[in-house]
């Protein structure tokens, strides 16, 4: 394949702060050159693919994001608690289409889901 996914980029009010949250989600460090304007997770240690990139933008987020991350875990209740402790806000729980998941928002309001991997 000639095209590959390089980054998932988040617009942010503070790039370093939002990178710290997402670095915590994936248990990866924020790359050392992070500033309030630009930050990455997984670029320098090669530990995350695609790399998460955070760029400060002047406008505030408006409305629901049109693209979101779907994450999954076998340790669902504990991971929800861990994400909330990191700063996520729990918005709703769903059990539909053969899947069980919770929708959360990161500290800047970006929505994401965490699904339960059922054995």
Protein backbone atom coordinates (compact mmCIF):
# COMPACT_ATOMS: atom_id res chain seq x y z
CA UNK A 1 0.00 0.00 0.00
CA UNK A 2 1.38 3.43 -0.89
CA UNK A 3 -0.59 5.41 1.72
CA UNK A 4 -0.46 4.84 5.47
CA UNK A 5 -1.98 6.62 8.46
CA UNK A 6 0.76 8.81 9.96
CA UNK A 7 -1.02 10.91 12.64
CA UNK A 8 -4.34 11.40 14.29
CA UNK A 9 -4.44 15.15 14.87
CA UNK A 10 -6.42 16.92 17.57
CA UNK A 11 -7.12 20.66 17.50
CA UNK A 12 -6.56 21.95 21.03
CA UNK A 13 -6.70 25.02 23.23
CA UNK A 14 -3.48 23.79 24.90
CA UNK A 15 -1.61 21.12 22.95
CA UNK A 16 0.66 19.95 25.80
CA UNK A 17 -2.21 19.59 28.27
CA UNK A 18 -4.38 17.60 25.87
CA UNK A 19 -1.38 15.46 24.87
CA UNK A 20 -0.80 14.69 28.56
CA UNK A 21 -4.35 13.38 28.87
CA UNK A 22 -4.10 11.18 25.77
CA UNK A 23 -0.61 10.04 26.71
CA UNK A 24 -2.15 8.88 29.98
CA UNK A 25 -4.94 7.08 28.14
CA UNK A 26 -2.42 5.03 26.15
CA UNK A 27 0.16 4.93 28.96
CA UNK A 28 2.75 6.60 26.71
CA UNK A 29 4.86 9.68 27.47
CA UNK A 30 4.33 13.01 25.77
CA UNK A 31 7.26 13.63 23.44
CA UNK A 32 9.87 15.93 24.98
CA UNK A 33 9.42 18.89 22.61
CA UNK A 34 5.81 19.54 23.67
CA UNK A 35 4.60 23.12 24.06
CA UNK A 36 1.19 24.71 24.46
CA UNK A 37 1.20 25.09 20.65
CA UNK A 38 2.35 21.65 19.46
CA UNK A 39 2.76 18.24 21.07
CA UNK A 40 2.89 14.59 20.07
CA UNK A 41 2.57 11.20 21.72
CA UNK A 42 4.42 8.25 20.20
CA UNK A 43 6.54 10.14 17.65
CA UNK A 44 9.95 9.86 19.33
CA UNK A 45 9.68 6.56 21.19
CA UNK A 46 8.10 4.64 18.32
CA UNK A 47 5.59 3.21 20.76
CA UNK A 48 2.31 4.32 19.23
CA UNK A 49 1.01 4.05 15.71
CA UNK A 50 -0.45 6.19 14.44
CA UNK A 51 1.23 9.03 16.31
CA UNK A 52 -1.15 11.37 18.15
CA UNK A 53 -0.52 15.02 17.28
CA UNK A 54 -1.98 18.05 19.07
CA UNK A 55 -2.00 21.54 17.57
CA UNK A 56 -3.24 24.70 19.24
CA UNK A 57 -5.97 26.47 17.26
CA UNK A 58 -7.60 29.83 18.06
CA UNK A 59 -11.23 28.76 17.67
CA UNK A 60 -13.18 26.76 20.23
CA UNK A 61 -14.68 23.40 19.39
CA UNK A 62 -18.30 23.79 18.34
CA UNK A 63 -20.79 20.92 18.35
CA UNK A 64 -20.18 17.20 18.25
CA UNK A 65 -16.94 16.06 16.65
CA UNK A 66 -17.58 14.28 13.35
CA UNK A 67 -14.77 11.77 13.87
CA UNK A 68 -13.95 10.00 17.11
CA UNK A 69 -11.74 7.24 18.45
CA UNK A 70 -13.25 3.87 19.35
CA UNK A 71 -11.13 2.13 21.98
CA UNK A 72 -11.68 -1.32 23.49
CA UNK A 73 -10.52 -3.24 26.56
CA UNK A 74 -11.12 -6.47 28.44
CA UNK A 75 -10.75 -4.60 31.77
CA UNK A 76 -13.71 -2.32 31.09
CA UNK A 77 -14.87 -1.06 34.53
CA UNK A 78 -11.32 -0.40 35.76
CA UNK A 79 -10.33 1.38 32.55
CA UNK A 80 -13.39 3.63 32.68
CA UNK A 81 -12.44 4.62 36.23
CA UNK A 82 -8.82 5.22 35.14
CA UNK A 83 -9.89 7.44 32.23
CA UNK A 84 -12.23 9.45 34.46
CA UNK A 85 -9.37 9.86 36.96
CA UNK A 86 -7.22 11.20 34.10
CA UNK A 87 -9.86 13.85 33.36
CA UNK A 88 -12.40 12.26 31.04
CA UNK A 89 -16.09 12.93 31.55
CA UNK A 90 -18.48 9.99 31.30
CA UNK A 91 -21.42 10.88 29.05
CA UNK A 92 -23.41 7.70 28.43
CA UNK A 93 -23.45 3.91 28.34
CA UNK A 94 -24.82 1.84 25.47
CA UNK A 95 -25.49 -1.83 24.73
CA UNK A 96 -26.53 -2.05 21.09
CA UNK A 97 -25.62 -3.87 17.88
CA UNK A 98 -23.91 -6.63 19.87
CA UNK A 99 -21.53 -4.15 21.54
CA UNK A 100 -21.31 -2.60 25.00
CA UNK A 101 -19.56 0.75 25.29
CA UNK A 102 -19.35 4.02 27.16
CA UNK A 103 -19.03 7.43 25.51
CA UNK A 104 -16.62 9.81 27.20
CA UNK A 105 -15.26 13.30 26.54
CA UNK A 106 -11.62 14.30 26.94
CA UNK A 107 -10.76 17.45 28.95
CA UNK A 108 -11.43 19.65 25.88
CA UNK A 109 -14.75 17.98 25.08
CA UNK A 110 -13.66 15.66 22.25
CA UNK A 111 -15.86 12.55 22.32
CA UNK A 112 -14.50 9.00 22.27
CA UNK A 113 -15.84 5.54 23.06
CA UNK A 114 -14.51 2.69 25.17
CA UNK A 115 -16.00 -0.70 24.32
CA UNK A 116 -16.00 -3.79 26.49
CA UNK A 117 -14.30 -6.79 24.90
CA UNK A 118 -16.52 -9.65 25.96
CA UNK A 119 -14.95 -13.10 26.31
